[in-house]
Amino acid sequence: MAFVTYILVSTLIAGLRGAFRPELLGVTATAAFVVVFVEILALKLGCYLLSISNESQLLDLIAYSGYKFVGVIVTLVVSEVVNRGGGAGGWVGWTVFAYTFLANAFFL
């Protein structure tokens, strides 16, 4: 759900800025999928190198890989509201990003 919500929120923000085009949905989805795929490959390689095996390991990695999008969504929305369309840059965006990153790292 966070994956799809990220795609919709990022294209909504692009639409609010006047930069929406229909192919943006596909481009955003493809980029997000590639990031998830590369992350899962790197984690599987790390598990192989450390001799960690589990029957449901792949499903766990897929489930955990979606949690990063929750932080990205919160960062995008809060930054967009506070900066009034100025983007996710600035101290507010970086502060929210740092908090969501650290919370995700702590809980996972």
PDB file of N, CA and C in Angstrom:
ATOM      1  N   MET A   1       0.815  -1.188   0.000  1.00  0.00           N
ATOM      2  CA  MET A   1       0.000   0.000   0.000  1.00  0.00           C
ATOM      3  C   MET A   1       0.861   1.254   0.000  1.00  0.00           C
ATOM      4  N   ALA A   2       1.954   1.220   0.731  1.00  0.00           N
ATOM      5  CA  ALA A   2       2.818   2.400   0.774  1.00  0.00           C
ATOM      6  C   ALA A   2       3.459   2.652  -0.589  1.00  0.00           C
ATOM      7  N   PHE A   3       3.723   1.582  -1.311  1.00  0.00           N
ATOM      8  CA  PHE A   3       4.303   1.703  -2.659  1.00  0.00           C
ATOM      9  C   PHE A   3       3.355   2.481  -3.574  1.00  0.00           C
ATOM     10  N   VAL A   4       2.105   2.068  -3.602  1.00  0.00           N
ATOM     11  CA  VAL A   4       1.110   2.727  -4.464  1.00  0.00           C
ATOM     12  C   VAL A   4       0.827   4.139  -3.966  1.00  0.00           C
ATOM     13  N   THR A   5       0.757   4.314  -2.658  1.00  0.00           N
ATOM     14  CA  THR A   5       0.509   5.641  -2.102  1.00  0.00           C
ATOM     15  C   THR A   5       1.646   6.593  -2.453  1.00  0.00           C
ATOM     16  N   TYR A   6       2.876   6.103  -2.422  1.00  0.00           N
ATOM     17  CA  TYR A   6       4.011   6.945  -2.811  1.00  0.00           C
ATOM     18  C   TYR A   6       3.872   7.400  -4.265  1.00  0.00           C
ATOM     19  N   ILE A   7       3.499   6.498  -5.136  1.00  0.00           N
ATOM     20  CA  ILE A   7       3.338   6.851  -6.549  1.00  0.00           C
ATOM     21  C   ILE A   7       2.263   7.916  -6.708  1.00  0.00           C
ATOM     22  N   LEU A   8       1.134   7.725  -6.027  1.00  0.00           N
ATOM     23  CA  LEU A   8       0.034   8.684  -6.142  1.00  0.00           C
ATOM     24  C   LEU A   8       0.377  10.036  -5.525  1.00  0.00           C
ATOM     25  N   VAL A   9       1.029  10.041  -4.381  1.00  0.00           N
ATOM     26  CA  VAL A   9       1.384  11.309  -3.730  1.00  0.00           C
ATOM     27  C   VAL A   9       2.416  12.075  -4.549  1.00  0.00           C
ATOM     28  N   SER A  10       3.408  11.392  -5.061  1.00  0.00           N
ATOM     29  CA  SER A  10       4.435  12.101  -5.833  1.00  0.00           C
ATOM     30  C   SER A  10       3.865  12.677  -7.129  1.00  0.00           C
ATOM     31  N   THR A  11       2.948  11.954  -7.762  1.00  0.00           N
ATOM     32  CA  THR A  11       2.338  12.504  -8.975  1.00  0.00           C
ATOM     33  C   THR A  11       1.314  13.584  -8.643  1.00  0.00           C
ATOM     34  N   LEU A  12       0.668  13.486  -7.478  1.00  0.00           N
ATOM     35  CA  LEU A  12      -0.235  14.551  -7.046  1.00  0.00           C
ATOM     36  C   LEU A  12       0.537  15.843  -6.820  1.00  0.00           C
ATOM     37  N   ILE A  13       1.686  15.737  -6.182  1.00  0.00           N
ATOM     38  CA  ILE A  13       2.513  16.926  -5.950  1.00  0.00           C
ATOM     39  C   ILE A  13       2.999  17.503  -7.274  1.00  0.00           C
ATOM     40  N   ALA A  14       3.351  16.635  -8.206  1.00  0.00           N
ATOM     41  CA  ALA A  14       3.740  17.126  -9.536  1.00  0.00           C
ATOM     42  C   ALA A  14       2.571  17.836 -10.206  1.00  0.00           C
ATOM     43  N   GLY A  15       1.361  17.314 -10.020  1.00  0.00           N
ATOM     44  CA  GLY A  15       0.182  17.959 -10.588  1.00  0.00           C
ATOM     45  C   GLY A  15      -0.100  19.306  -9.950  1.00  0.00           C
ATOM     46  N   LEU A  16       0.093  19.409  -8.648  1.00  0.00           N
ATOM     47  CA  LEU A  16      -0.109  20.689  -7.979  1.00  0.00           C
ATOM     48  C   LEU A  16       0.900  21.729  -8.443  1.00  0.00           C
ATOM     49  N   ARG A  17       2.065  21.285  -8.844  1.00  0.00           N
ATOM     50  CA  ARG A  17       3.087  22.194  -9.370  1.00  0.00           C
ATOM     51  C   ARG A  17       2.910  22.476 -10.860  1.00  0.00           C
ATOM     52  N   GLY A  18       1.944  21.809 -11.496  1.00  0.00           N
ATOM     53  CA  GLY A  18       1.694  22.012 -12.915  1.00  0.00           C
ATOM     54  C   GLY A  18       2.595  21.205 -13.820  1.00  0.00           C
ATOM     55  N   ALA A  19       3.221  20.162 -13.299  1.00  0.00           N
ATOM     56  CA  ALA A  19       4.160  19.362 -14.081  1.00  0.00           C
ATOM     57  C   ALA A  19       3.658  17.942 -14.309  1.00  0.00           C
ATOM     58  N   PHE A  20       2.349  17.702 -14.118  1.00  0.00           N
ATOM     59  CA  PHE A  20       1.839  16.341 -14.279  1.00  0.00           C
ATOM     60  C   PHE A  20       1.684  15.998 -15.752  1.00  0.00           C
ATOM     61  N   ARG A  21       2.068  14.781 -16.067  1.00  0.00           N
ATOM     62  CA  ARG A  21       1.810  14.177 -17.364  1.00  0.00           C
ATOM     63  C   ARG A  21       1.538  12.704 -17.086  1.00  0.00           C
ATOM     64  N   PRO A  22       0.680  12.061 -17.849  1.00  0.00           N
ATOM     65  CA  PRO A  22       0.261  10.691 -17.524  1.00  0.00           C
ATOM     66  C   PRO A  22       1.400   9.688 -17.411  1.00  0.00           C
ATOM     67  N   GLU A  23       2.432   9.839 -18.208  1.00  0.00           N
ATOM     68  CA  GLU A  23       3.535   8.871 -18.149  1.00  0.00           C
ATOM     69  C   GLU A  23       4.353   9.006 -16.866  1.00  0.00           C
ATOM     70  N   LEU A  24       4.122  10.058 -16.094  1.00  0.00           N
ATOM     71  CA  LEU A  24       4.808  10.226 -14.819  1.00  0.00           C
ATOM     72  C   LEU A  24       4.437   9.114 -13.841  1.00  0.00           C
ATOM     73  N   LEU A  25       3.217   8.614 -13.926  1.00  0.00           N
ATOM     74  CA  LEU A  25       2.811   7.485 -13.086  1.00  0.00           C
ATOM     75  C   LEU A  25       3.681   6.261 -13.364  1.00  0.00           C
ATOM     76  N   GLY A  26       3.880   5.942 -14.628  1.00  0.00           N
ATOM     77  CA  GLY A  26       4.704   4.793 -14.999  1.00  0.00           C
ATOM     78  C   GLY A  26       6.167   4.973 -14.664  1.00  0.00           C
ATOM     79  N   VAL A  27       6.671   6.167 -14.891  1.00  0.00           N
ATOM     80  CA  VAL A  27       8.085   6.441 -14.600  1.00  0.00           C
ATOM     81  C   VAL A  27       8.349   6.333 -13.099  1.00  0.00           C
ATOM     82  N   THR A  28       7.446   6.898 -12.298  1.00  0.00           N
ATOM     83  CA  THR A  28       7.614   6.835 -10.844  1.00  0.00           C
ATOM     84  C   THR A  28       7.503   5.405 -10.346  1.00  0.00           C
ATOM     85  N   ALA A  29       6.539   4.657 -10.870  1.00  0.00           N
ATOM     86  CA  ALA A  29       6.363   3.260 -10.453  1.00  0.00           C
ATOM     87  C   ALA A  29       7.576   2.416 -10.837  1.00  0.00           C
ATOM     88  N   THR A  30       8.098   2.627 -12.029  1.00  0.00           N
ATOM     89  CA  THR A  30       9.261   1.869 -12.467  1.00  0.00           C
ATOM     90  C   THR A  30      10.484   2.180 -11.612  1.00  0.00           C
ATOM     91  N   ALA A  31      10.706   3.445 -11.340  1.00  0.00           N
ATOM     92  CA  ALA A  31      11.859   3.832 -10.514  1.00  0.00           C
ATOM     93  C   ALA A  31      11.738   3.250  -9.108  1.00  0.00           C
ATOM     94  N   ALA A  32      10.548   3.311  -8.530  1.00  0.00           N
ATOM     95  CA  ALA A  32      10.352   2.767  -7.186  1.00  0.00           C
ATOM     96  C   ALA A  32      10.520   1.255  -7.176  1.00  0.00           C
ATOM     97  N   PHE A  33      10.023   0.583  -8.212  1.00  0.00           N
ATOM     98  CA  PHE A  33      10.169  -0.867  -8.295  1.00  0.00           C
ATOM     99  C   PHE A  33      11.632  -1.267  -8.436  1.00  0.00           C
ATOM    100  N   VAL A  34      12.393  -0.527  -9.229  1.00  0.00           N
ATOM    101  CA  VAL A  34      13.822  -0.822  -9.393  1.00  0.00           C
ATOM    102  C   VAL A  34      14.558  -0.653  -8.067  1.00  0.00           C
ATOM    103  N   VAL A  35      14.212   0.381  -7.316  1.00  0.00           N
ATOM    104  CA  VAL A  35      14.847   0.587  -6.010  1.00  0.00           C
ATOM    105  C   VAL A  35      14.550  -0.586  -5.084  1.00  0.00           C
ATOM    106  N   VAL A  36      13.296  -1.030  -5.043  1.00  0.00           N
ATOM    107  CA  VAL A  36      12.916  -2.164  -4.190  1.00  0.00           C
ATOM    108  C   VAL A  36      13.619  -3.435  -4.652  1.00  0.00           C
ATOM    109  N   PHE A  37      13.675  -3.664  -5.947  1.00  0.00           N
ATOM    110  CA  PHE A  37      14.298  -4.867  -6.493  1.00  0.00           C
ATOM    111  C   PHE A  37      15.793  -4.911  -6.164  1.00  0.00           C
ATOM    112  N   VAL A  38      16.485  -3.798  -6.355  1.00  0.00           N
ATOM    113  CA  VAL A  38      17.915  -3.748  -6.058  1.00  0.00           C
ATOM    114  C   VAL A  38      18.156  -3.922  -4.559  1.00  0.00           C
ATOM    115  N   GLU A  39      17.281  -3.338  -3.748  1.00  0.00           N
ATOM    116  CA  GLU A  39      17.429  -3.496  -2.297  1.00  0.00           C
ATOM    117  C   GLU A  39      17.264  -4.953  -1.883  1.00  0.00           C
ATOM    118  N   ILE A  40      16.275  -5.631  -2.444  1.00  0.00           N
ATOM    119  CA  ILE A  40      16.053  -7.037  -2.094  1.00  0.00           C
ATOM    120  C   ILE A  40      17.217  -7.900  -2.571  1.00  0.00           C
ATOM    121  N   LEU A  41      17.738  -7.621  -3.755  1.00  0.00           N
ATOM    122  CA  LEU A  41      18.910  -8.362  -4.233  1.00  0.00           C
ATOM    123  C   LEU A  41      20.112  -8.166  -3.306  1.00  0.00           C
ATOM    124  N   ALA A  42      20.332  -6.929  -2.878  1.00  0.00           N
ATOM    125  CA  ALA A  42      21.464  -6.664  -1.978  1.00  0.00           C
ATOM    126  C   ALA A  42      21.267  -7.365  -0.633  1.00  0.00           C
ATOM    127  N   LEU A  43      20.050  -7.363  -0.129  1.00  0.00           N
ATOM    128  CA  LEU A  43      19.785  -8.042   1.144  1.00  0.00           C
ATOM    129  C   LEU A  43      19.919  -9.555   1.012  1.00  0.00           C
ATOM    130  N   LYS A  44      19.457 -10.110  -0.105  1.00  0.00           N
ATOM    131  CA  LYS A  44      19.616 -11.554  -0.326  1.00  0.00           C
ATOM    132  C   LYS A  44      21.092 -11.923  -0.435  1.00  0.00           C
ATOM    133  N   LEU A  45      21.876 -11.090  -1.102  1.00  0.00           N
ATOM    134  CA  LEU A  45      23.313 -11.328  -1.192  1.00  0.00           C
ATOM    135  C   LEU A  45      23.953 -11.273   0.190  1.00  0.00           C
ATOM    136  N   GLY A  46      23.556 -10.277   0.989  1.00  0.00           N
ATOM    137  CA  GLY A  46      24.082 -10.186   2.343  1.00  0.00           C
ATOM    138  C   GLY A  46      23.708 -11.393   3.189  1.00  0.00           C
ATOM    139  N   CYS A  47      22.470 -11.878   3.038  1.00  0.00           N
ATOM    140  CA  CYS A  47      22.042 -13.065   3.787  1.00  0.00           C
ATOM    141  C   CYS A  47      22.813 -14.301   3.324  1.00  0.00           C
ATOM    142  N   TYR A  48      23.092 -14.389   2.036  1.00  0.00           N
ATOM    143  CA  TYR A  48      23.868 -15.520   1.519  1.00  0.00           C
ATOM    144  C   TYR A  48      25.300 -15.488   2.048  1.00  0.00           C
ATOM    145  N   LEU A  49      25.900 -14.293   2.022  1.00  0.00           N
ATOM    146  CA  LEU A  49      27.278 -14.170   2.483  1.00  0.00           C
ATOM    147  C   LEU A  49      27.403 -14.419   3.986  1.00  0.00           C
ATOM    148  N   LEU A  50      26.357 -14.121   4.732  1.00  0.00           N
ATOM    149  CA  LEU A  50      26.382 -14.346   6.178  1.00  0.00           C
ATOM    150  C   LEU A  50      25.780 -15.689   6.579  1.00  0.00           C
ATOM    151  N   SER A  51      25.413 -16.499   5.602  1.00  0.00           N
ATOM    152  CA  SER A  51      24.818 -17.822   5.816  1.00  0.00           C
ATOM    153  C   SER A  51      23.551 -17.765   6.670  1.00  0.00           C
ATOM    154  N   ILE A  52      22.709 -16.798   6.379  1.00  0.00           N
ATOM    155  CA  ILE A  52      21.420 -16.674   7.066  1.00  0.00           C
ATOM    156  C   ILE A  52      20.375 -17.304   6.168  1.00  0.00           C
ATOM    157  N   SER A  53      19.667 -18.293   6.682  1.00  0.00           N
ATOM    158  CA  SER A  53      18.627 -18.926   5.871  1.00  0.00           C
ATOM    159  C   SER A  53      17.346 -19.021   6.678  1.00  0.00           C
ATOM    160  N   ASN A  54      16.249 -18.866   5.970  1.00  0.00           N
ATOM    161  CA  ASN A  54      14.933 -18.946   6.565  1.00  0.00           C
ATOM    162  C   ASN A  54      13.954 -19.291   5.447  1.00  0.00           C
ATOM    163  N   GLU A  55      12.909 -20.016   5.774  1.00  0.00           N
ATOM    164  CA  GLU A  55      11.954 -20.421   4.739  1.00  0.00           C
ATOM    165  C   GLU A  55      11.187 -19.233   4.179  1.00  0.00           C
ATOM    166  N   SER A  56      10.833 -18.297   5.025  1.00  0.00           N
ATOM    167  CA  SER A  56      10.039 -17.154   4.576  1.00  0.00           C
ATOM    168  C   SER A  56      10.883 -15.896   4.423  1.00  0.00           C
ATOM    169  N   GLN A  57      12.157 -16.061   4.217  1.00  0.00           N
ATOM    170  CA  GLN A  57      13.069 -14.921   4.170  1.00  0.00           C
ATOM    171  C   GLN A  57      12.722 -13.949   3.046  1.00  0.00           C
ATOM    172  N   LEU A  58      12.438 -14.436   1.864  1.00  0.00           N
ATOM    173  CA  LEU A  58      12.141 -13.561   0.738  1.00  0.00           C
ATOM    174  C   LEU A  58      10.868 -12.765   0.995  1.00  0.00           C
ATOM    175  N   LEU A  59       9.850 -13.409   1.527  1.00  0.00           N
ATOM    176  CA  LEU A  59       8.602 -12.694   1.810  1.00  0.00           C
ATOM    177  C   LEU A  59       8.805 -11.637   2.884  1.00  0.00           C
ATOM    178  N   ASP A  60       9.626 -11.937   3.882  1.00  0.00           N
ATOM    179  CA  ASP A  60       9.929 -10.950   4.911  1.00  0.00           C
ATOM    180  C   ASP A  60      10.658  -9.752   4.317  1.00  0.00           C
ATOM    181  N   LEU A  61      11.611 -10.002   3.450  1.00  0.00           N
ATOM    182  CA  LEU A  61      12.359  -8.901   2.836  1.00  0.00           C
ATOM    183  C   LEU A  61      11.458  -8.044   1.964  1.00  0.00           C
ATOM    184  N   ILE A  62      10.545  -8.667   1.247  1.00  0.00           N
ATOM    185  CA  ILE A  62       9.603  -7.908   0.415  1.00  0.00           C
ATOM    186  C   ILE A  62       8.693  -7.060   1.287  1.00  0.00           C
ATOM    187  N   ALA A  63       8.217  -7.636   2.391  1.00  0.00           N
ATOM    188  CA  ALA A  63       7.338  -6.884   3.287  1.00  0.00           C
ATOM    189  C   ALA A  63       8.066  -5.708   3.922  1.00  0.00           C
ATOM    190  N   TYR A  64       9.286  -5.931   4.377  1.00  0.00           N
ATOM    191  CA  TYR A  64      10.045  -4.867   5.032  1.00  0.00           C
ATOM    192  C   TYR A  64      10.492  -3.785   4.052  1.00  0.00           C
ATOM    193  N   SER A  65      10.624  -4.133   2.789  1.00  0.00           N
ATOM    194  CA  SER A  65      11.104  -3.140   1.827  1.00  0.00           C
ATOM    195  C   SER A  65      10.081  -2.033   1.579  1.00  0.00           C
ATOM    196  N   GLY A  66       8.832  -2.272   1.887  1.00  0.00           N
ATOM    197  CA  GLY A  66       7.816  -1.251   1.681  1.00  0.00           C
ATOM    198  C   GLY A  66       7.772  -0.186   2.751  1.00  0.00           C
ATOM    199  N   TYR A  67       8.381  -0.448   3.896  1.00  0.00           N
ATOM    200  CA  TYR A  67       8.319   0.511   4.994  1.00  0.00           C
ATOM    201  C   TYR A  67       9.055   1.808   4.694  1.00  0.00           C
ATOM    202  N   LYS A  68      10.012   1.786   3.825  1.00  0.00           N
ATOM    203  CA  LYS A  68      10.743   3.009   3.502  1.00  0.00           C
ATOM    204  C   LYS A  68       9.848   4.036   2.835  1.00  0.00           C
ATOM    205  N   PHE A  69       8.822   3.557   2.135  1.00  0.00           N
ATOM    206  CA  PHE A  69       7.933   4.482   1.440  1.00  0.00           C
ATOM    207  C   PHE A  69       7.056   5.275   2.403  1.00  0.00           C
ATOM    208  N   VAL A  70       6.799   4.742   3.583  1.00  0.00           N
ATOM    209  CA  VAL A  70       6.025   5.486   4.578  1.00  0.00           C
ATOM    210  C   VAL A  70       6.778   6.754   4.976  1.00  0.00           C
ATOM    211  N   GLY A  71       8.068   6.619   5.239  1.00  0.00           N
ATOM    212  CA  GLY A  71       8.879   7.786   5.577  1.00  0.00           C
ATOM    213  C   GLY A  71       8.980   8.781   4.438  1.00  0.00           C
ATOM    214  N   VAL A  72       9.091   8.267   3.228  1.00  0.00           N
ATOM    215  CA  VAL A  72       9.179   9.152   2.063  1.00  0.00           C
ATOM    216  C   VAL A  72       7.868   9.912   1.885  1.00  0.00           C
ATOM    217  N   ILE A  73       6.743   9.238   2.082  1.00  0.00           N
ATOM    218  CA  ILE A  73       5.439   9.885   1.949  1.00  0.00           C
ATOM    219  C   ILE A  73       5.280  10.984   2.995  1.00  0.00           C
ATOM    220  N   VAL A  74       5.621  10.673   4.236  1.00  0.00           N
ATOM    221  CA  VAL A  74       5.509  11.671   5.307  1.00  0.00           C
ATOM    222  C   VAL A  74       6.413  12.859   5.008  1.00  0.00           C
ATOM    223  N   THR A  75       7.622  12.601   4.556  1.00  0.00           N
ATOM    224  CA  THR A  75       8.551  13.681   4.226  1.00  0.00           C
ATOM    225  C   THR A  75       8.012  14.551   3.101  1.00  0.00           C
ATOM    226  N   LEU A  76       7.494  13.931   2.055  1.00  0.00           N
ATOM    227  CA  LEU A  76       6.947  14.697   0.930  1.00  0.00           C
ATOM    228  C   LEU A  76       5.767  15.553   1.354  1.00  0.00           C
ATOM    229  N   VAL A  77       4.843  14.967   2.097  1.00  0.00           N
ATOM    230  CA  VAL A  77       3.631  15.699   2.468  1.00  0.00           C
ATOM    231  C   VAL A  77       3.946  16.838   3.428  1.00  0.00           C
ATOM    232  N   VAL A  78       4.712  16.561   4.471  1.00  0.00           N
ATOM    233  CA  VAL A  78       5.032  17.613   5.450  1.00  0.00           C
ATOM    234  C   VAL A  78       5.843  18.727   4.792  1.00  0.00           C
ATOM    235  N   SER A  79       6.799  18.377   3.979  1.00  0.00           N
ATOM    236  CA  SER A  79       7.616  19.390   3.310  1.00  0.00           C
ATOM    237  C   SER A  79       6.781  20.223   2.348  1.00  0.00           C
ATOM    238  N   GLU A  80       5.862  19.595   1.671  1.00  0.00           N
ATOM    239  CA  GLU A  80       5.013  20.321   0.720  1.00  0.00           C
ATOM    240  C   GLU A  80       4.081  21.281   1.449  1.00  0.00           C
ATOM    241  N   VAL A  81       3.559  20.860   2.591  1.00  0.00           N
ATOM    242  CA  VAL A  81       2.657  21.724   3.355  1.00  0.00           C
ATOM    243  C   VAL A  81       3.422  22.883   3.990  1.00  0.00           C
ATOM    244  N   VAL A  82       4.558  22.585   4.610  1.00  0.00           N
ATOM    245  CA  VAL A  82       5.309  23.622   5.319  1.00  0.00           C
ATOM    246  C   VAL A  82       5.965  24.589   4.337  1.00  0.00           C
ATOM    247  N   ASN A  83       6.542  24.084   3.273  1.00  0.00           N
ATOM    248  CA  ASN A  83       7.249  24.942   2.311  1.00  0.00           C
ATOM    249  C   ASN A  83       6.332  25.534   1.253  1.00  0.00           C
ATOM    250  N   ARG A  84       5.047  25.209   1.297  1.00  0.00           N
ATOM    251  CA  ARG A  84       4.044  25.736   0.352  1.00  0.00           C
ATOM    252  C   ARG A  84       4.473  25.571  -1.101  1.00  0.00           C
ATOM    253  N   GLY A  85       4.816  24.344  -1.443  1.00  0.00           N
ATOM    254  CA  GLY A  85       5.166  24.045  -2.819  1.00  0.00           C
ATOM    255  C   GLY A  85       6.621  24.275  -3.153  1.00  0.00           C
ATOM    256  N   GLY A  86       7.442  24.538  -2.163  1.00  0.00           N
ATOM    257  CA  GLY A  86       8.856  24.812  -2.408  1.00  0.00           C
ATOM    258  C   GLY A  86       9.713  23.568  -2.513  1.00  0.00           C
ATOM    259  N   GLY A  87       9.120  22.413  -2.348  1.00  0.00           N
ATOM    260  CA  GLY A  87       9.876  21.172  -2.438  1.00  0.00           C
ATOM    261  C   GLY A  87      10.258  20.634  -1.085  1.00  0.00           C
ATOM    262  N   ALA A  88      10.972  19.521  -1.097  1.00  0.00           N
ATOM    263  CA  ALA A  88      11.343  18.833   0.138  1.00  0.00           C
ATOM    264  C   ALA A  88      12.682  19.304   0.686  1.00  0.00           C
ATOM    265  N   GLY A  89      13.272  20.297   0.074  1.00  0.00           N
ATOM    266  CA  GLY A  89      14.543  20.811   0.566  1.00  0.00           C
ATOM    267  C   GLY A  89      14.350  21.686   1.788  1.00  0.00           C
ATOM    268  N   GLY A  90      15.420  22.170   2.307  1.00  0.00           N
ATOM    269  CA  GLY A  90      15.343  23.019   3.492  1.00  0.00           C
ATOM    270  C   GLY A  90      15.440  22.200   4.765  1.00  0.00           C
ATOM    271  N   TRP A  91      15.452  22.903   5.878  1.00  0.00           N
ATOM    272  CA  TRP A  91      15.659  22.226   7.150  1.00  0.00           C
ATOM    273  C   TRP A  91      14.467  21.392   7.560  1.00  0.00           C
ATOM    274  N   VAL A  92      13.256  21.785   7.185  1.00  0.00           N
ATOM    275  CA  VAL A  92      12.072  21.004   7.556  1.00  0.00           C
ATOM    276  C   VAL A  92      12.097  19.643   6.865  1.00  0.00           C
ATOM    277  N   GLY A  93      12.364  19.640   5.578  1.00  0.00           N
ATOM    278  CA  GLY A  93      12.408  18.386   4.833  1.00  0.00           C
ATOM    279  C   GLY A  93      13.477  17.444   5.345  1.00  0.00           C
ATOM    280  N   TRP A  94      14.650  18.001   5.612  1.00  0.00           N
ATOM    281  CA  TRP A  94      15.740  17.162   6.105  1.00  0.00           C
ATOM    282  C   TRP A  94      15.488  16.671   7.528  1.00  0.00           C
ATOM    283  N   THR A  95      14.838  17.486   8.349  1.00  0.00           N
ATOM    284  CA  THR A  95      14.526  17.069   9.713  1.00  0.00           C
ATOM    285  C   THR A  95      13.503  15.939   9.719  1.00  0.00           C
ATOM    286  N   VAL A  96      12.452  16.095   8.928  1.00  0.00           N
ATOM    287  CA  VAL A  96      11.435  15.042   8.842  1.00  0.00           C
ATOM    288  C   VAL A  96      12.046  13.771   8.255  1.00  0.00           C
ATOM    289  N   PHE A  97      12.875  13.923   7.234  1.00  0.00           N
ATOM    290  CA  PHE A  97      13.530  12.756   6.645  1.00  0.00           C
ATOM    291  C   PHE A  97      14.415  12.048   7.662  1.00  0.00           C
ATOM    292  N   ALA A  98      15.198  12.818   8.417  1.00  0.00           N
ATOM    293  CA  ALA A  98      16.087  12.214   9.417  1.00  0.00           C
ATOM    294  C   ALA A  98      15.276  11.468  10.474  1.00  0.00           C
ATOM    295  N   TYR A  99      14.165  12.060  10.912  1.00  0.00           N
ATOM    296  CA  TYR A  99      13.333  11.400  11.920  1.00  0.00           C
ATOM    297  C   TYR A  99      12.743  10.098  11.376  1.00  0.00           C
ATOM    298  N   THR A 100      12.166  10.141  10.180  1.00  0.00           N
ATOM    299  CA  THR A 100      11.553   8.923   9.627  1.00  0.00           C
ATOM    300  C   THR A 100      12.610   7.871   9.317  1.00  0.00           C
ATOM    301  N   PHE A 101      13.793   8.294   8.883  1.00  0.00           N
ATOM    302  CA  PHE A 101      14.876   7.351   8.636  1.00  0.00           C
ATOM    303  C   PHE A 101      15.304   6.655   9.920  1.00  0.00           C
ATOM    304  N   LEU A 102      15.513   7.442  10.971  1.00  0.00           N
ATOM    305  CA  LEU A 102      15.943   6.862  12.240  1.00  0.00           C
ATOM    306  C   LEU A 102      14.856   5.995  12.870  1.00  0.00           C
ATOM    307  N   ALA A 103      13.590   6.402  12.735  1.00  0.00           N
ATOM    308  CA  ALA A 103      12.495   5.592  13.268  1.00  0.00           C
ATOM    309  C   ALA A 103      12.405   4.260  12.532  1.00  0.00           C
ATOM    310  N   ASN A 104      12.554   4.302  11.224  1.00  0.00           N
ATOM    311  CA  ASN A 104      12.528   3.069  10.419  1.00  0.00           C
ATOM    312  C   ASN A 104      13.702   2.163  10.782  1.00  0.00           C
ATOM    313  N   ALA A 105      14.879   2.759  10.927  1.00  0.00           N
ATOM    314  CA  ALA A 105      16.060   1.966  11.288  1.00  0.00           C
ATOM    315  C   ALA A 105      15.904   1.354  12.672  1.00  0.00           C
ATOM    316  N   PHE A 106      15.330   2.090  13.607  1.00  0.00           N
ATOM    317  CA  PHE A 106      15.155   1.583  14.967  1.00  0.00           C
ATOM    318  C   PHE A 106      14.152   0.428  15.009  1.00  0.00           C
ATOM    319  N   PHE A 107      13.021   0.587  14.341  1.00  0.00           N
ATOM    320  CA  PHE A 107      11.976  -0.410  14.434  1.00  0.00           C
ATOM    321  C   PHE A 107      12.247  -1.653  13.575  1.00  0.00           C
ATOM    322  N   LEU A 108      13.027  -1.508  12.536  1.00  0.00           N
ATOM    323  CA  LEU A 108      13.341  -2.684  11.725  1.00  0.00           C
ATOM    324  C   LEU A 108      14.584  -3.369  12.252  1.00  0.00           C
TER     325      LEU A 108
END
